[in-house]
Amino acid sequence: MVEQSTLTSLKFDTNLLPEKQQYAFFREQLFDSAGLEVDRPGPADNPFSLIAEYNRTPKFWIYRYQCNTPCFFHRSERGMVRTEMNAFGVHYRIKGEDLSTPLSEGLALTRTGDLRSLDTERTFFYQHKGVTVYTLNLNRKKVSEEVPGISQLHNMVLSDSPVTRILKTAITGVFRELKHADDREIETLSDTLYRLTVDAFRHQWIQELETREIRDETVLCTIVDFIHRNFYRRDLTPEMIAKAIGISRSKLYQICQQMDAPQRLIRLIRLEKAASLLRADANCNIGDVAYKTGFSTRPAFSRAFMEHYGVSPTDYREGLRERKSELQGTTPPTERDWERLRASLQAAALG
């Protein structure tokens, strides 16, 4: 018998339940476990046939389900409040065709053989009419670290390519073999499928940048988001950003011109983070703040802070301490208070 401690497997079959209970039981379980609402035509106590299998490893969770009864699957704001999945994945249609939509962008037909990307933190809708589907979900945060533009791919059919064709074969093959694998083999299978899926997302994102008219503002938002998530890294450079997002270095500089040069944009975000840390704790250590925000040395941080805010980090902190003392016994400071404080510090520095 194969020893497995890293795989969780479940199987669910509504046909094993009394017919009048099948739909009500499935609807309740689906909403509680995945935040998905399901609806169907006809009386609620009519038979409802759905068979689902589930495998979970440390890298992903993957479902295979066969739905024979016409129904509607809906991931709404209500469902997201109920169950936070924090996943980005693919919906692989093996059999059947139906409508899917992110609700705000119109209807789209999902055909047999399609790989459709899905963000579980966004709304989506499926109208099922007798389908067989694999759904593979990866950790959304980890995927976004490798493919910064991942949010732009929600509800998109991935283009046919050698990568997506191999991925389709891998999804079905890995799902089939997981139950027969030991822990070491599970790790190998999981790593292989994870990497193929991320590569498919990256390939699609790069293709979108090259072939689709995406506004520069959209790419700029992706650049800024990447810097916000990596500002603490001392090795953060324009070259790293361009490579991560999938654009050339010259294209990066061209897009960033709307705000500032990439290196200055990195420094600006680091300084904003530093000021936020100082506001959060007026007794914090300046050297620690410099370290946490990606500056190589405390002097380099102090020079940059003085240049941007007009006061040194130490004076900025002392001003916060004085302000905090004045506010003892009063209501907490508002954002307007902070704006006035920053303005007064800058005015004092300018004489």
Protein backbone atom coordinates (compact mmCIF):
# COMPACT_ATOMS: atom_id res chain seq x y z
CA MET A 1 0.00 0.00 0.00
CA VAL A 2 1.33 3.44 -0.97
CA GLU A 3 2.00 5.75 2.00
CA GLN A 4 0.51 9.24 1.51
CA SER A 5 0.68 12.07 4.02
CA THR A 6 0.71 15.03 1.62
CA LEU A 7 -2.44 14.21 -0.39
CA THR A 8 -6.04 14.78 0.63
CA SER A 9 -8.66 13.07 -1.55
CA LEU A 10 -12.45 13.20 -1.42
CA LYS A 11 -15.27 11.98 -3.61
CA PHE A 12 -18.83 13.28 -3.69
CA ASP A 13 -21.78 11.71 -5.55
CA THR A 14 -25.28 13.14 -5.21
CA ASN A 15 -26.69 9.97 -6.78
CA LEU A 16 -26.02 8.17 -3.49
CA LEU A 17 -28.54 10.43 -1.74
CA PRO A 18 -32.33 10.24 -1.82
CA GLU A 19 -33.49 12.05 -4.96
CA LYS A 20 -35.46 14.72 -3.12
CA GLN A 21 -32.40 15.64 -1.02
CA GLN A 22 -29.75 15.70 -3.77
CA TYR A 23 -30.03 19.31 -4.88
CA ALA A 24 -30.57 20.89 -1.46
CA PHE A 25 -27.63 19.01 0.07
CA PHE A 26 -25.26 19.84 -2.78
CA ARG A 27 -26.26 23.51 -2.83
CA GLU A 28 -25.53 23.86 0.89
CA GLN A 29 -22.21 22.01 0.72
CA LEU A 30 -20.98 23.96 -2.31
CA PHE A 31 -21.72 27.34 -0.76
CA ASP A 32 -20.12 26.45 2.58
CA SER A 33 -16.95 24.93 1.09
CA ALA A 34 -16.31 27.10 -2.00
CA GLY A 35 -18.58 30.14 -1.72
CA LEU A 36 -20.32 29.11 -4.94
CA GLU A 37 -24.06 29.54 -5.32
CA VAL A 38 -25.93 27.05 -7.49
CA ASP A 39 -29.37 27.34 -9.04
CA ARG A 40 -31.34 25.05 -11.31
CA PRO A 41 -34.58 25.11 -13.31
CA GLY A 42 -37.56 23.14 -12.05
CA PRO A 43 -38.62 22.03 -8.58
CA ALA A 44 -35.89 21.88 -5.92
CA ASP A 45 -36.73 18.28 -5.02
CA ASN A 46 -36.20 16.97 -8.56
CA PRO A 47 -33.17 14.62 -8.99
CA PHE A 48 -29.80 16.40 -9.27
CA SER A 49 -26.85 14.41 -10.63
CA LEU A 50 -23.29 15.54 -9.95
CA ILE A 51 -20.17 13.47 -9.27
CA ALA A 52 -17.06 15.27 -8.01
CA GLU A 53 -13.57 14.10 -7.04
CA TYR A 54 -11.07 16.29 -5.19
CA ASN A 55 -7.31 16.04 -4.65
CA ARG A 56 -5.26 18.51 -2.64
CA THR A 57 -1.46 18.73 -2.35
CA PRO A 58 0.74 21.46 -0.81
CA LYS A 59 1.01 23.03 -4.29
CA PHE A 60 -2.60 23.08 -5.49
CA TRP A 61 -6.08 21.64 -5.27
CA ILE A 62 -7.73 20.01 -8.27
CA TYR A 63 -11.31 18.89 -8.91
CA ARG A 64 -12.89 16.71 -11.52
CA TYR A 65 -16.65 16.91 -11.73
CA GLN A 66 -19.38 15.65 -14.01
CA CYS A 67 -22.63 17.57 -13.92
CA ASN A 68 -25.52 15.94 -15.76
CA THR A 69 -28.31 18.25 -14.57
CA PRO A 70 -28.66 21.74 -16.14
CA CYS A 71 -27.70 24.33 -13.51
CA PHE A 72 -25.98 27.66 -12.86
CA PHE A 73 -22.79 28.15 -10.82
CA HIS A 74 -22.26 31.69 -9.52
CA ARG A 75 -19.31 33.15 -7.58
CA SER A 76 -20.69 36.43 -6.22
CA GLU A 77 -19.65 39.05 -3.67
CA ARG A 78 -21.82 37.18 -1.17
CA GLY A 79 -19.93 33.97 -1.85
CA MET A 80 -16.55 35.68 -1.52
CA VAL A 81 -17.56 36.98 1.90
CA ARG A 82 -18.68 33.49 2.89
CA THR A 83 -15.54 31.65 1.72
CA GLU A 84 -12.20 33.25 0.84
CA MET A 85 -10.45 30.88 -1.57
CA ASN A 86 -7.53 33.16 -2.54
CA ALA A 87 -6.87 31.10 -5.66
CA PHE A 88 -6.12 31.62 -9.33
CA GLY A 89 -6.55 28.65 -11.59
CA VAL A 90 -7.81 27.08 -14.79
CA HIS A 91 -11.12 25.53 -15.73
CA TYR A 92 -10.49 22.73 -18.28
CA ARG A 93 -13.61 21.67 -20.17
CA ILE A 94 -13.40 17.99 -21.20
CA LYS A 95 -16.99 17.62 -22.36
CA GLY A 96 -19.87 19.97 -23.04
CA GLU A 97 -20.34 23.62 -23.89
CA ASP A 98 -21.98 26.42 -21.95
CA LEU A 99 -21.95 30.12 -21.21
CA SER A 100 -19.55 31.82 -18.82
CA THR A 101 -19.25 35.48 -17.89
CA PRO A 102 -17.51 37.71 -15.31
CA LEU A 103 -20.93 39.43 -15.02
CA SER A 104 -19.71 42.86 -16.08
CA GLU A 105 -18.08 42.01 -19.41
CA GLY A 106 -20.71 40.09 -21.34
CA LEU A 107 -21.24 36.43 -22.22
CA ALA A 108 -18.60 34.07 -23.56
CA LEU A 109 -18.98 30.50 -24.77
CA THR A 110 -16.81 27.87 -23.12
CA ARG A 111 -16.26 25.00 -25.52
CA THR A 112 -14.98 21.46 -25.17
CA GLY A 113 -11.18 21.60 -24.89
CA ASP A 114 -11.01 25.17 -23.58
CA LEU A 115 -8.68 26.19 -20.76
CA ARG A 116 -10.30 29.20 -19.08
CA SER A 117 -8.45 31.11 -16.35
CA LEU A 118 -10.37 32.04 -13.21
CA ASP A 119 -9.67 34.38 -10.30
CA THR A 120 -11.70 33.24 -7.29
CA GLU A 121 -11.55 36.75 -5.84
CA ARG A 122 -13.52 38.05 -8.82
CA THR A 123 -17.11 37.31 -9.77
CA PHE A 124 -17.90 34.73 -12.44
CA PHE A 125 -20.83 32.66 -13.66
CA TYR A 126 -21.29 29.31 -15.42
CA GLN A 127 -24.34 27.88 -17.07
CA HIS A 128 -23.81 24.09 -17.12
CA LYS A 129 -25.65 21.78 -19.49
CA GLY A 130 -24.14 18.35 -18.98
CA VAL A 131 -20.37 18.84 -18.70
CA THR A 132 -17.19 17.17 -17.49
CA VAL A 133 -14.64 19.60 -16.07
CA TYR A 134 -11.26 19.73 -14.34
CA THR A 135 -10.64 22.77 -12.14
CA LEU A 136 -7.08 23.39 -10.99
CA ASN A 137 -6.48 26.10 -8.35
CA LEU A 138 -3.12 27.56 -7.29
CA ASN A 139 -2.36 29.96 -4.45
CA ARG A 140 -3.19 33.39 -5.87
CA LYS A 141 -0.47 35.28 -3.96
CA LYS A 142 2.30 32.91 -5.09
CA VAL A 143 1.15 33.01 -8.71
CA SER A 144 0.97 36.83 -8.72
CA GLU A 145 4.59 36.97 -7.50
CA GLU A 146 5.65 35.06 -10.62
CA VAL A 147 3.17 36.60 -13.08
CA PRO A 148 2.50 40.21 -11.97
CA GLY A 149 -0.18 40.73 -14.63
CA ILE A 150 -2.21 37.71 -13.56
CA SER A 151 -5.26 39.77 -12.57
CA GLN A 152 -5.63 40.81 -16.23
CA LEU A 153 -6.18 37.18 -17.29
CA HIS A 154 -9.38 36.53 -15.34
CA ASN A 155 -12.04 34.61 -17.29
CA MET A 156 -9.87 34.37 -20.40
CA VAL A 157 -9.55 31.31 -22.65
CA LEU A 158 -5.82 30.56 -22.82
CA SER A 159 -4.47 30.58 -26.37
CA ASP A 160 -3.65 27.26 -27.99
CA SER A 161 0.11 26.66 -27.81
CA PRO A 162 2.56 23.84 -27.09
CA VAL A 163 2.52 24.93 -23.42
CA THR A 164 -1.28 24.78 -23.06
CA ARG A 165 -1.51 21.50 -24.98
CA ILE A 166 1.02 19.90 -22.63
CA LEU A 167 -0.80 21.44 -19.66
CA LYS A 168 -4.09 19.81 -20.68
CA THR A 169 -2.43 16.40 -20.82
CA ALA A 170 -0.69 17.04 -17.49
CA ILE A 171 -3.91 18.05 -15.70
CA THR A 172 -5.69 14.81 -16.55
CA GLY A 173 -2.59 12.66 -16.11
CA VAL A 174 -1.53 14.08 -12.75
CA PHE A 175 -5.09 13.89 -11.42
CA ARG A 176 -5.24 10.21 -12.40
CA GLU A 177 -1.84 9.27 -10.96
CA LEU A 178 -1.93 11.18 -7.66
CA LYS A 179 -3.93 8.48 -5.89
CA HIS A 180 -1.31 5.86 -6.82
CA ALA A 181 1.78 7.94 -5.93
CA ASP A 182 3.84 8.01 -2.75
CA ASP A 183 4.77 11.30 -1.07
CA ARG A 184 7.95 11.83 -3.09
CA GLU A 185 6.14 11.15 -6.35
CA ILE A 186 3.30 13.44 -5.28
CA GLU A 187 5.83 16.24 -4.78
CA THR A 188 7.31 15.64 -8.25
CA LEU A 189 3.90 15.53 -9.92
CA SER A 190 2.76 18.64 -8.04
CA ASP A 191 5.88 20.64 -8.94
CA THR A 192 5.57 19.67 -12.61
CA LEU A 193 1.91 20.64 -12.88
CA TYR A 194 2.42 23.87 -10.89
CA ARG A 195 5.28 25.00 -13.13
CA LEU A 196 3.41 24.16 -16.33
CA THR A 197 0.39 26.14 -15.17
CA VAL A 198 2.44 29.19 -14.18
CA ASP A 199 4.30 29.00 -17.52
CA ALA A 200 0.97 28.94 -19.34
CA PHE A 201 -0.18 32.05 -17.44
CA ARG A 202 3.13 33.82 -18.12
CA HIS A 203 3.00 32.91 -21.81
CA GLN A 204 -0.55 34.27 -22.07
CA TRP A 205 0.37 37.50 -20.25
CA ILE A 206 3.37 38.16 -22.49
CA GLN A 207 1.23 37.42 -25.54
CA GLU A 208 -1.39 39.86 -24.31
CA LEU A 209 1.23 42.58 -23.91
CA GLU A 210 2.55 41.97 -27.41
CA THR A 211 -0.64 41.43 -29.40
CA ARG A 212 -3.50 43.14 -27.58
CA GLU A 213 -4.01 46.88 -27.20
CA ILE A 214 -3.50 47.21 -23.48
CA ARG A 215 -3.38 50.80 -22.27
CA ASP A 216 -0.07 51.87 -20.80
CA GLU A 217 -1.93 52.85 -17.64
CA THR A 218 -2.83 49.18 -17.07
CA VAL A 219 0.79 48.07 -17.38
CA LEU A 220 1.89 50.97 -15.18
CA CYS A 221 -0.49 49.78 -12.46
CA THR A 222 1.10 46.34 -12.71
CA ILE A 223 4.58 47.89 -12.39
CA VAL A 224 3.58 49.92 -9.34
CA ASP A 225 1.91 46.89 -7.77
CA PHE A 226 5.07 44.81 -8.28
CA ILE A 227 7.21 47.50 -6.62
CA HIS A 228 4.77 47.74 -3.69
CA ARG A 229 5.11 43.99 -3.13
CA ASN A 230 8.91 43.94 -3.47
CA PHE A 231 10.09 47.36 -2.20
CA TYR A 232 11.99 45.75 0.72
CA ARG A 233 14.33 43.83 -1.62
CA ARG A 234 17.73 45.48 -1.96
CA ASP A 235 18.23 43.80 -5.32
CA LEU A 236 15.08 45.37 -6.79
CA THR A 237 16.08 46.96 -10.11
CA PRO A 238 14.36 48.11 -13.31
CA GLU A 239 15.78 45.03 -15.03
CA MET A 240 14.13 42.74 -12.47
CA ILE A 241 10.78 44.51 -12.87
CA ALA A 242 10.89 44.32 -16.67
CA LYS A 243 11.74 40.62 -16.62
CA ALA A 244 9.03 39.80 -14.06
CA ILE A 245 6.31 41.62 -15.98
CA GLY A 246 7.42 40.39 -19.39
CA ILE A 247 8.36 43.64 -21.13
CA SER A 248 11.64 45.06 -22.39
CA ARG A 249 13.72 47.47 -20.34
CA SER A 250 13.11 50.26 -22.87
CA LYS A 251 9.34 49.63 -22.72
CA LEU A 252 9.50 49.83 -18.92
CA TYR A 253 11.17 53.24 -19.06
CA GLN A 254 8.70 54.44 -21.70
CA ILE A 255 5.67 53.50 -19.59
CA CYS A 256 7.13 54.84 -16.33
CA GLN A 257 7.69 58.26 -17.92
CA GLN A 258 4.05 58.99 -17.03
CA MET A 259 5.20 59.17 -13.38
CA ASP A 260 8.98 59.07 -13.09
CA ALA A 261 12.03 57.00 -14.01
CA PRO A 262 11.77 53.40 -12.68
CA GLN A 263 14.61 53.83 -10.18
CA ARG A 264 13.07 57.00 -8.79
CA LEU A 265 9.68 55.29 -8.64
CA ILE A 266 11.23 52.51 -6.53
CA ARG A 267 12.76 55.09 -4.21
CA LEU A 268 9.49 57.04 -3.94
CA ILE A 269 7.53 53.97 -2.88
CA ARG A 270 10.25 53.00 -0.39
CA LEU A 271 10.11 56.47 1.14
CA GLU A 272 6.33 56.34 1.40
CA LYS A 273 6.62 53.00 3.19
CA ALA A 274 9.28 54.44 5.51
CA ALA A 275 7.11 57.44 6.40
CA SER A 276 4.25 55.06 7.10
CA LEU A 277 6.45 53.04 9.49
CA LEU A 278 7.51 56.23 11.28
CA ARG A 279 3.89 57.30 11.66
CA ALA A 280 2.93 53.90 12.98
CA ASP A 281 5.59 53.99 15.72
CA ALA A 282 7.15 57.31 16.74
CA ASN A 283 9.72 55.41 18.84
CA CYS A 284 10.99 53.18 16.04
CA ASN A 285 14.67 52.80 15.19
CA ILE A 286 15.70 54.75 12.08
CA GLY A 287 18.18 52.06 11.04
CA ASP A 288 15.47 49.39 11.25
CA VAL A 289 13.18 51.49 9.07
CA ALA A 290 15.94 51.88 6.48
CA TYR A 291 16.54 48.12 6.51
CA LYS A 292 12.84 47.23 6.23
CA THR A 293 12.28 49.52 3.26
CA GLY A 294 15.14 48.26 1.10
CA PHE A 295 17.78 50.98 1.55
CA SER A 296 21.37 49.74 1.55
CA THR A 297 22.53 51.96 4.45
CA ARG A 298 21.07 54.34 7.01
CA PRO A 299 22.95 57.36 5.55
CA ALA A 300 21.57 56.59 2.07
CA PHE A 301 18.07 56.41 3.54
CA SER A 302 18.51 59.67 5.47
CA ARG A 303 19.74 61.54 2.38
CA ALA A 304 16.83 60.27 0.27
CA PHE A 305 14.30 61.08 3.01
CA MET A 306 15.66 64.62 3.46
CA GLU A 307 15.59 65.20 -0.29
CA HIS A 308 11.97 64.04 -0.60
CA TYR A 309 10.34 65.31 2.60
CA GLY A 310 12.58 68.27 3.39
CA VAL A 311 13.38 66.97 6.90
CA SER A 312 15.54 64.16 8.21
CA PRO A 313 13.93 60.91 9.39
CA THR A 314 14.99 61.79 12.93
CA ASP A 315 13.35 65.24 12.81
CA TYR A 316 10.27 63.71 11.20
CA ARG A 317 10.07 61.18 14.04
CA GLU A 318 10.63 63.83 16.71
CA GLY A 319 7.86 65.93 15.20
CA LEU A 320 5.58 62.93 15.46
CA ARG A 321 6.54 62.47 19.11
CA GLU A 322 5.73 66.08 19.90
CA ARG A 323 2.47 65.85 18.03
CA LYS A 324 1.60 62.63 19.86
CA SER A 325 2.24 64.35 23.19
CA GLU A 326 -0.05 67.22 22.21
CA LEU A 327 -2.76 64.78 21.29
CA GLN A 328 -2.74 63.00 24.65
CA GLY A 329 -6.29 62.92 25.95
CA THR A 330 -7.78 64.02 22.63
CA THR A 331 -9.35 62.12 19.78
CA PRO A 332 -7.02 60.08 17.51
CA PRO A 333 -5.41 61.99 14.62
CA THR A 334 -7.12 61.90 11.25
CA GLU A 335 -5.46 61.73 7.85
CA ARG A 336 -5.94 65.51 7.61
CA ASP A 337 -3.92 65.86 10.84
CA TRP A 338 -1.07 63.90 9.25
CA GLU A 339 -1.21 66.08 6.14
CA ARG A 340 -0.99 69.25 8.28
CA LEU A 341 1.90 67.78 10.25
CA ARG A 342 3.83 66.90 7.10
CA ALA A 343 3.18 70.38 5.69
CA SER A 344 4.38 72.07 8.90
CA LEU A 345 7.55 69.95 8.99
CA GLN A 346 8.33 70.78 5.39
CA ALA A 347 7.66 74.49 5.97
CA ALA A 348 9.95 74.48 8.98
CA ALA A 349 12.70 72.83 6.97
CA LEU A 350 12.39 75.42 4.22
CA GLY A 351 12.70 78.25 6.72
